[in-house]
N, C-alpha and C. Protein backbone atom coordinates (compact mmCIF):
# COMPACT_ATOMS: atom_id res chain seq x y z
N UNK A 1 1.58 2.18 -27.20
CA UNK A 1 0.68 3.25 -26.80
C UNK A 1 -0.56 2.68 -26.14
N UNK A 2 -1.08 1.55 -26.66
CA UNK A 2 -2.25 0.94 -26.07
C UNK A 2 -1.98 0.49 -24.63
N UNK A 3 -0.78 -0.03 -24.40
CA UNK A 3 -0.42 -0.49 -23.06
C UNK A 3 -0.44 0.67 -22.06
N UNK A 4 -0.02 1.86 -22.50
CA UNK A 4 0.00 3.03 -21.64
C UNK A 4 -1.41 3.44 -21.23
N UNK A 5 -2.38 3.24 -22.14
CA UNK A 5 -3.76 3.58 -21.84
C UNK A 5 -4.34 2.69 -20.75
N UNK A 6 -3.76 1.52 -20.54
CA UNK A 6 -4.20 0.62 -19.48
C UNK A 6 -3.31 0.70 -18.25
N UNK A 7 -2.02 0.94 -18.48
CA UNK A 7 -1.07 0.96 -17.38
C UNK A 7 -1.31 2.13 -16.43
N UNK A 8 -1.41 3.33 -16.96
CA UNK A 8 -1.57 4.52 -16.11
C UNK A 8 -2.88 4.46 -15.31
N UNK A 9 -4.03 4.22 -15.95
CA UNK A 9 -5.26 4.09 -15.13
C UNK A 9 -5.20 2.92 -14.15
N UNK A 10 -4.51 1.84 -14.53
CA UNK A 10 -4.36 0.71 -13.62
C UNK A 10 -3.56 1.07 -12.38
N UNK A 11 -2.48 1.82 -12.57
CA UNK A 11 -1.66 2.26 -11.44
C UNK A 11 -2.46 3.23 -10.56
N UNK A 12 -3.19 4.13 -11.18
CA UNK A 12 -4.02 5.07 -10.42
C UNK A 12 -5.08 4.32 -9.61
N UNK A 13 -5.74 3.36 -10.23
CA UNK A 13 -6.77 2.58 -9.54
C UNK A 13 -6.17 1.77 -8.40
N UNK A 14 -5.01 1.16 -8.63
CA UNK A 14 -4.34 0.41 -7.56
C UNK A 14 -3.96 1.34 -6.41
N UNK A 15 -3.48 2.52 -6.72
CA UNK A 15 -3.15 3.50 -5.68
C UNK A 15 -4.38 3.91 -4.88
N UNK A 16 -5.50 4.06 -5.55
CA UNK A 16 -6.75 4.41 -4.86
C UNK A 16 -7.21 3.27 -3.95
N UNK A 17 -7.09 2.04 -4.42
CA UNK A 17 -7.45 0.89 -3.59
C UNK A 17 -6.55 0.79 -2.36
N UNK A 18 -5.26 0.99 -2.56
CA UNK A 18 -4.31 0.96 -1.45
C UNK A 18 -4.65 2.07 -0.45
N UNK A 19 -4.92 3.27 -0.96
CA UNK A 19 -5.29 4.39 -0.09
C UNK A 19 -6.56 4.11 0.69
N UNK A 20 -7.54 3.51 0.04
CA UNK A 20 -8.81 3.19 0.71
C UNK A 20 -8.59 2.20 1.85
N UNK A 21 -7.76 1.20 1.60
CA UNK A 21 -7.46 0.22 2.65
C UNK A 21 -6.78 0.91 3.84
N UNK A 22 -5.84 1.82 3.56
CA UNK A 22 -5.13 2.53 4.62
C UNK A 22 -6.07 3.42 5.42
N UNK A 23 -6.98 4.11 4.73
CA UNK A 23 -7.94 4.98 5.40
C UNK A 23 -8.85 4.17 6.32
N UNK A 24 -9.32 3.04 5.84
CA UNK A 24 -10.21 2.19 6.65
C UNK A 24 -9.44 1.62 7.85
N UNK A 25 -8.22 1.16 7.63
CA UNK A 25 -7.42 0.61 8.73
C UNK A 25 -7.17 1.66 9.81
N UNK A 26 -6.84 2.88 9.38
CA UNK A 26 -6.59 3.96 10.34
C UNK A 26 -7.85 4.29 11.14
N UNK A 27 -8.99 4.35 10.48
CA UNK A 27 -10.24 4.66 11.16
C UNK A 27 -10.60 3.56 12.16
N UNK A 28 -10.45 2.30 11.76
CA UNK A 28 -10.75 1.20 12.66
C UNK A 28 -9.81 1.19 13.87
N UNK A 29 -8.54 1.46 13.61
CA UNK A 29 -7.55 1.50 14.70
C UNK A 29 -7.88 2.63 15.68
N UNK A 30 -8.21 3.80 15.16
CA UNK A 30 -8.54 4.94 16.03
C UNK A 30 -9.80 4.64 16.83
N UNK A 31 -10.81 4.08 16.19
CA UNK A 31 -12.04 3.73 16.88
C UNK A 31 -11.78 2.71 17.99
N UNK A 32 -10.93 1.74 17.69
CA UNK A 32 -10.60 0.72 18.68
C UNK A 32 -9.86 1.32 19.87
N UNK A 33 -8.96 2.28 19.61
CA UNK A 33 -8.24 2.94 20.71
C UNK A 33 -9.21 3.71 21.59
N UNK A 34 -10.16 4.40 20.96
CA UNK A 34 -11.14 5.16 21.74
C UNK A 34 -12.02 4.24 22.58
N UNK A 35 -12.40 3.10 22.04
CA UNK A 35 -13.33 2.21 22.73
C UNK A 35 -12.64 1.30 23.76
N UNK A 36 -11.46 0.78 23.42
CA UNK A 36 -10.85 -0.25 24.25
C UNK A 36 -9.42 0.08 24.69
N UNK A 37 -8.92 1.24 24.30
CA UNK A 37 -7.54 1.57 24.59
C UNK A 37 -7.27 1.90 26.05
N UNK A 38 -6.03 1.77 26.42
CA UNK A 38 -5.58 2.17 27.75
C UNK A 38 -5.30 3.67 27.72
N UNK A 39 -5.32 4.29 28.87
CA UNK A 39 -5.05 5.73 28.93
C UNK A 39 -3.76 5.96 29.71
N UNK A 40 -3.12 7.05 29.39
CA UNK A 40 -1.90 7.45 30.10
C UNK A 40 -1.80 8.97 30.03
N UNK A 41 -1.11 9.53 30.99
CA UNK A 41 -0.87 10.97 30.95
C UNK A 41 0.34 11.23 30.06
N UNK A 42 0.17 12.17 29.16
CA UNK A 42 1.25 12.52 28.23
C UNK A 42 1.60 13.99 28.40
N UNK A 43 2.75 14.33 27.89
CA UNK A 43 3.19 15.72 27.90
C UNK A 43 3.47 16.13 26.46
N UNK A 44 3.01 17.31 26.10
CA UNK A 44 3.29 17.84 24.77
C UNK A 44 4.71 18.39 24.79
N UNK A 45 5.56 17.84 23.94
CA UNK A 45 6.95 18.26 23.89
C UNK A 45 7.17 19.42 22.92
N UNK A 46 6.36 19.44 21.86
CA UNK A 46 6.59 20.44 20.82
C UNK A 46 5.35 20.56 19.94
N UNK A 47 5.16 21.71 19.36
CA UNK A 47 4.15 21.91 18.33
C UNK A 47 4.83 22.58 17.14
N UNK A 48 4.40 22.23 15.96
CA UNK A 48 4.94 22.86 14.76
C UNK A 48 3.91 22.77 13.64
N UNK A 49 4.10 23.57 12.63
CA UNK A 49 3.20 23.52 11.47
C UNK A 49 4.00 23.19 10.24
N UNK A 50 3.36 22.45 9.35
CA UNK A 50 3.92 22.17 8.03
C UNK A 50 3.05 22.92 7.04
N UNK A 51 3.68 23.63 6.16
CA UNK A 51 2.96 24.43 5.18
C UNK A 51 3.26 23.87 3.79
N UNK A 52 2.21 23.74 2.99
CA UNK A 52 2.38 23.27 1.62
C UNK A 52 1.62 24.20 0.70
N UNK A 53 1.98 24.18 -0.56
CA UNK A 53 1.33 25.03 -1.54
C UNK A 53 2.15 26.28 -1.77
N UNK A 54 1.47 27.30 -2.26
CA UNK A 54 2.14 28.54 -2.58
C UNK A 54 2.20 28.74 -4.08
N UNK A 55 2.89 29.77 -4.50
CA UNK A 55 2.98 30.15 -5.91
C UNK A 55 1.58 30.31 -6.50
N UNK A 56 1.15 29.38 -7.34
CA UNK A 56 -0.17 29.49 -7.98
C UNK A 56 -1.24 28.68 -7.27
N UNK A 57 -0.90 28.01 -6.17
CA UNK A 57 -1.88 27.19 -5.46
C UNK A 57 -2.12 27.77 -4.07
N UNK A 58 -3.21 27.34 -3.46
CA UNK A 58 -3.54 27.82 -2.12
C UNK A 58 -2.54 27.26 -1.11
N UNK A 59 -2.27 28.03 -0.10
CA UNK A 59 -1.37 27.61 0.97
C UNK A 59 -2.18 26.89 2.02
N UNK A 60 -1.67 25.74 2.49
CA UNK A 60 -2.35 24.94 3.50
C UNK A 60 -1.36 24.62 4.61
N UNK A 61 -1.75 24.89 5.84
CA UNK A 61 -0.90 24.60 7.00
C UNK A 61 -1.53 23.49 7.83
N UNK A 62 -0.68 22.59 8.32
CA UNK A 62 -1.13 21.48 9.16
C UNK A 62 -0.42 21.57 10.49
N UNK A 63 -1.19 21.57 11.57
CA UNK A 63 -0.64 21.64 12.91
C UNK A 63 -0.25 20.24 13.39
N UNK A 64 0.95 20.12 13.92
CA UNK A 64 1.47 18.85 14.46
C UNK A 64 1.80 19.05 15.94
N UNK A 65 1.61 17.99 16.71
CA UNK A 65 2.03 17.96 18.11
C UNK A 65 2.94 16.76 18.31
N UNK A 66 3.94 16.91 19.12
CA UNK A 66 4.82 15.81 19.51
C UNK A 66 4.54 15.54 20.99
N UNK A 67 4.11 14.31 21.29
CA UNK A 67 3.76 13.91 22.65
C UNK A 67 4.69 12.82 23.13
N UNK A 68 4.84 12.74 24.46
CA UNK A 68 5.58 11.66 25.08
C UNK A 68 4.78 11.15 26.27
N UNK A 69 4.71 9.82 26.41
CA UNK A 69 4.00 9.21 27.51
C UNK A 69 4.69 7.93 27.94
N UNK A 70 4.34 7.46 29.12
CA UNK A 70 4.87 6.21 29.65
C UNK A 70 3.73 5.22 29.78
N UNK A 71 3.93 4.02 29.24
CA UNK A 71 2.89 2.97 29.31
C UNK A 71 2.83 2.42 30.73
N UNK A 72 1.84 1.59 30.97
CA UNK A 72 1.70 0.95 32.29
C UNK A 72 2.87 0.02 32.58
N UNK A 73 3.53 -0.46 31.53
CA UNK A 73 4.69 -1.34 31.70
C UNK A 73 5.97 -0.56 31.93
N UNK A 74 5.91 0.76 31.87
CA UNK A 74 7.07 1.60 32.12
C UNK A 74 7.86 2.00 30.89
N UNK A 75 7.38 1.67 29.69
CA UNK A 75 8.08 2.04 28.47
C UNK A 75 7.68 3.46 28.05
N UNK A 76 8.65 4.23 27.60
CA UNK A 76 8.37 5.59 27.12
C UNK A 76 8.19 5.58 25.62
N UNK A 77 7.19 6.31 25.18
CA UNK A 77 6.93 6.44 23.74
C UNK A 77 6.73 7.89 23.40
N UNK A 78 7.20 8.23 22.23
CA UNK A 78 7.05 9.57 21.69
C UNK A 78 6.37 9.43 20.33
N UNK A 79 5.37 10.28 20.08
CA UNK A 79 4.69 10.21 18.78
C UNK A 79 4.30 11.60 18.31
N UNK A 80 4.15 11.69 17.01
CA UNK A 80 3.78 12.93 16.32
C UNK A 80 2.37 12.74 15.80
N UNK A 81 1.50 13.73 16.03
CA UNK A 81 0.11 13.60 15.60
C UNK A 81 -0.35 14.90 14.95
N UNK A 82 -1.12 14.76 13.89
CA UNK A 82 -1.72 15.92 13.23
C UNK A 82 -3.17 16.05 13.68
N UNK A 83 -3.70 17.24 13.49
CA UNK A 83 -5.12 17.46 13.74
C UNK A 83 -5.50 17.60 15.20
N UNK A 84 -4.57 17.88 16.07
CA UNK A 84 -4.89 18.01 17.48
C UNK A 84 -5.45 19.39 17.82
N UNK A 85 -5.73 19.57 19.08
CA UNK A 85 -6.28 20.81 19.60
C UNK A 85 -5.25 21.94 19.48
N UNK A 86 -5.63 23.03 18.86
CA UNK A 86 -4.69 24.13 18.64
C UNK A 86 -4.35 24.88 19.92
N UNK A 87 -5.09 24.64 21.00
CA UNK A 87 -4.78 25.31 22.26
C UNK A 87 -3.73 24.56 23.08
N UNK A 88 -3.36 23.36 22.66
CA UNK A 88 -2.33 22.59 23.35
C UNK A 88 -0.97 23.10 22.91
N UNK A 89 -0.14 23.45 23.90
CA UNK A 89 1.20 23.97 23.61
C UNK A 89 2.23 23.13 24.34
N UNK A 90 3.49 23.33 24.01
CA UNK A 90 4.58 22.57 24.64
C UNK A 90 4.51 22.74 26.15
N UNK A 91 4.63 21.61 26.85
CA UNK A 91 4.58 21.61 28.30
C UNK A 91 3.23 21.21 28.88
N UNK A 92 2.18 21.25 28.07
CA UNK A 92 0.85 20.86 28.55
C UNK A 92 0.79 19.36 28.80
N UNK A 93 -0.02 18.98 29.78
CA UNK A 93 -0.26 17.57 30.08
C UNK A 93 -1.68 17.22 29.64
N UNK A 94 -1.85 16.04 29.06
CA UNK A 94 -3.16 15.60 28.61
C UNK A 94 -3.20 14.08 28.59
N UNK A 95 -4.39 13.54 28.37
CA UNK A 95 -4.59 12.09 28.35
C UNK A 95 -4.47 11.59 26.92
N UNK A 96 -3.71 10.50 26.73
CA UNK A 96 -3.62 9.83 25.44
C UNK A 96 -4.20 8.43 25.59
N UNK A 97 -4.65 7.90 24.48
CA UNK A 97 -5.17 6.53 24.44
C UNK A 97 -4.26 5.71 23.53
N UNK A 98 -4.03 4.46 23.95
CA UNK A 98 -3.16 3.59 23.16
C UNK A 98 -3.60 2.15 23.35
N UNK A 99 -3.22 1.33 22.39
CA UNK A 99 -3.47 -0.10 22.50
C UNK A 99 -2.25 -0.75 23.15
N UNK A 100 -2.47 -1.67 24.07
CA UNK A 100 -1.37 -2.29 24.81
C UNK A 100 -0.36 -2.94 23.87
N UNK A 101 -0.87 -3.54 22.77
CA UNK A 101 0.04 -4.22 21.84
C UNK A 101 0.73 -3.28 20.86
N UNK A 102 0.25 -2.05 20.72
CA UNK A 102 0.82 -1.08 19.79
C UNK A 102 0.82 0.34 20.38
N UNK A 103 1.60 0.58 21.42
CA UNK A 103 1.58 1.91 22.03
C UNK A 103 2.11 3.02 21.11
N UNK A 104 2.86 2.65 20.09
CA UNK A 104 3.36 3.66 19.16
C UNK A 104 2.24 4.27 18.31
N UNK A 105 1.07 3.66 18.31
CA UNK A 105 -0.08 4.19 17.56
C UNK A 105 -0.99 5.03 18.44
N UNK A 106 -0.48 5.58 19.50
CA UNK A 106 -1.29 6.34 20.45
C UNK A 106 -1.93 7.55 19.78
N UNK A 107 -2.98 8.06 20.43
CA UNK A 107 -3.64 9.26 19.94
C UNK A 107 -4.04 10.14 21.12
N UNK A 108 -3.92 11.43 20.93
CA UNK A 108 -4.37 12.40 21.91
C UNK A 108 -5.70 13.02 21.48
N UNK A 109 -6.20 12.60 20.34
CA UNK A 109 -7.49 13.13 19.86
C UNK A 109 -8.61 12.65 20.76
N UNK A 110 -9.52 13.54 21.07
CA UNK A 110 -10.67 13.19 21.89
C UNK A 110 -11.65 12.38 21.04
N UNK A 111 -12.32 11.40 21.64
CA UNK A 111 -13.28 10.60 20.88
C UNK A 111 -14.34 11.46 20.20
N UNK A 112 -14.46 11.29 18.90
CA UNK A 112 -15.45 11.99 18.09
C UNK A 112 -15.82 11.06 16.94
N UNK A 113 -16.66 10.09 17.23
CA UNK A 113 -16.99 9.06 16.26
C UNK A 113 -17.64 9.62 15.00
N UNK A 114 -18.52 10.58 15.16
CA UNK A 114 -19.18 11.17 14.00
C UNK A 114 -18.18 11.83 13.06
N UNK A 115 -17.24 12.56 13.64
CA UNK A 115 -16.22 13.22 12.83
C UNK A 115 -15.32 12.19 12.13
N UNK A 116 -15.00 11.12 12.85
CA UNK A 116 -14.17 10.05 12.27
C UNK A 116 -14.90 9.39 11.10
N UNK A 117 -16.17 9.09 11.28
CA UNK A 117 -16.96 8.45 10.22
C UNK A 117 -17.09 9.38 9.02
N UNK A 118 -17.39 10.64 9.28
CA UNK A 118 -17.54 11.60 8.18
C UNK A 118 -16.23 11.78 7.41
N UNK A 119 -15.13 11.95 8.14
CA UNK A 119 -13.84 12.13 7.47
C UNK A 119 -13.44 10.92 6.65
N UNK A 120 -13.68 9.74 7.20
CA UNK A 120 -13.39 8.50 6.47
C UNK A 120 -14.25 8.39 5.23
N UNK A 121 -15.53 8.70 5.36
CA UNK A 121 -16.45 8.61 4.22
C UNK A 121 -16.05 9.58 3.11
N UNK A 122 -15.67 10.79 3.47
CA UNK A 122 -15.26 11.78 2.46
C UNK A 122 -14.00 11.31 1.73
N UNK A 123 -13.02 10.83 2.48
CA UNK A 123 -11.79 10.33 1.84
C UNK A 123 -12.07 9.14 0.93
N UNK A 124 -12.92 8.23 1.39
CA UNK A 124 -13.27 7.08 0.54
C UNK A 124 -14.03 7.51 -0.70
N UNK A 125 -14.90 8.51 -0.58
CA UNK A 125 -15.63 9.01 -1.74
C UNK A 125 -14.69 9.62 -2.77
N UNK A 126 -13.71 10.38 -2.31
CA UNK A 126 -12.74 10.98 -3.23
C UNK A 126 -11.91 9.90 -3.91
N UNK A 127 -11.42 8.94 -3.14
CA UNK A 127 -10.62 7.85 -3.73
C UNK A 127 -11.45 7.03 -4.71
N UNK A 128 -12.71 6.79 -4.40
CA UNK A 128 -13.59 6.06 -5.30
C UNK A 128 -13.81 6.83 -6.59
N UNK A 129 -14.04 8.13 -6.49
CA UNK A 129 -14.25 8.96 -7.67
C UNK A 129 -13.03 8.96 -8.58
N UNK A 130 -11.85 9.07 -7.98
CA UNK A 130 -10.62 9.07 -8.78
C UNK A 130 -10.43 7.70 -9.44
N UNK A 131 -10.64 6.62 -8.69
CA UNK A 131 -10.49 5.28 -9.25
C UNK A 131 -11.48 5.00 -10.36
N UNK A 132 -12.74 5.36 -10.15
CA UNK A 132 -13.76 5.17 -11.19
C UNK A 132 -13.44 6.04 -12.41
N UNK A 133 -12.98 7.25 -12.16
CA UNK A 133 -12.59 8.12 -13.27
C UNK A 133 -11.47 7.52 -14.11
N UNK A 134 -10.49 6.91 -13.44
CA UNK A 134 -9.38 6.28 -14.16
C UNK A 134 -9.88 5.11 -15.00
N UNK A 135 -10.77 4.31 -14.44
CA UNK A 135 -11.31 3.17 -15.19
C UNK A 135 -12.15 3.65 -16.36
N UNK A 136 -12.99 4.65 -16.14
CA UNK A 136 -13.82 5.19 -17.23
C UNK A 136 -12.95 5.78 -18.34
N UNK A 137 -11.85 6.42 -17.95
CA UNK A 137 -10.93 6.96 -18.96
C UNK A 137 -10.36 5.85 -19.81
N UNK A 138 -9.92 4.76 -19.17
CA UNK A 138 -9.35 3.65 -19.92
C UNK A 138 -10.38 3.03 -20.85
N UNK A 139 -11.61 2.88 -20.37
CA UNK A 139 -12.68 2.29 -21.21
C UNK A 139 -13.01 3.20 -22.37
N UNK A 140 -13.15 4.50 -22.11
CA UNK A 140 -13.50 5.42 -23.19
C UNK A 140 -12.36 5.60 -24.18
N UNK A 141 -11.13 5.57 -23.71
CA UNK A 141 -9.96 5.68 -24.61
C UNK A 141 -9.88 4.44 -25.49
N UNK A 142 -10.19 3.31 -24.94
CA UNK A 142 -10.15 2.06 -25.71
C UNK A 142 -11.24 2.06 -26.79
N UNK A 143 -12.41 2.53 -26.42
CA UNK A 143 -13.51 2.54 -27.42
C UNK A 143 -13.27 3.59 -28.50
N UNK A 144 -12.47 4.61 -28.21
CA UNK A 144 -12.18 5.65 -29.20
C UNK A 144 -11.16 5.18 -30.23
N UNK A 145 -10.40 4.15 -29.88
CA UNK A 145 -9.37 3.65 -30.82
C UNK A 145 -9.96 2.82 -31.89
């Protein structure tokens, strides 16, 4: 039983650390694409929404776009992105940014550094709170024994 009091919070904390690293990597990659990425004309192939929740929880829908573009080297890439402009529909043409070494990580999001920083900070704050909460739970459970 004592091992469980350390194992579960440890797994939660490790998951929070992993999530934080992923959030930071994604933000840095997006910022780098906006600042130094190449541009290409892309076409929106499809839009769709994913809905989660229901029953006793709130329903949340996420808008996705599927884009296709050709790099300067002539390679075609297709990617799916969330959080894009809701006015973009299938058949629309727009500019995407990508890194020459990783065109599969392209983005059609318009540069918005403030929004990127704020979103990253909020996600990191939530992950930190959950991780600290797990550690505090383990410490308080141990002292209660």
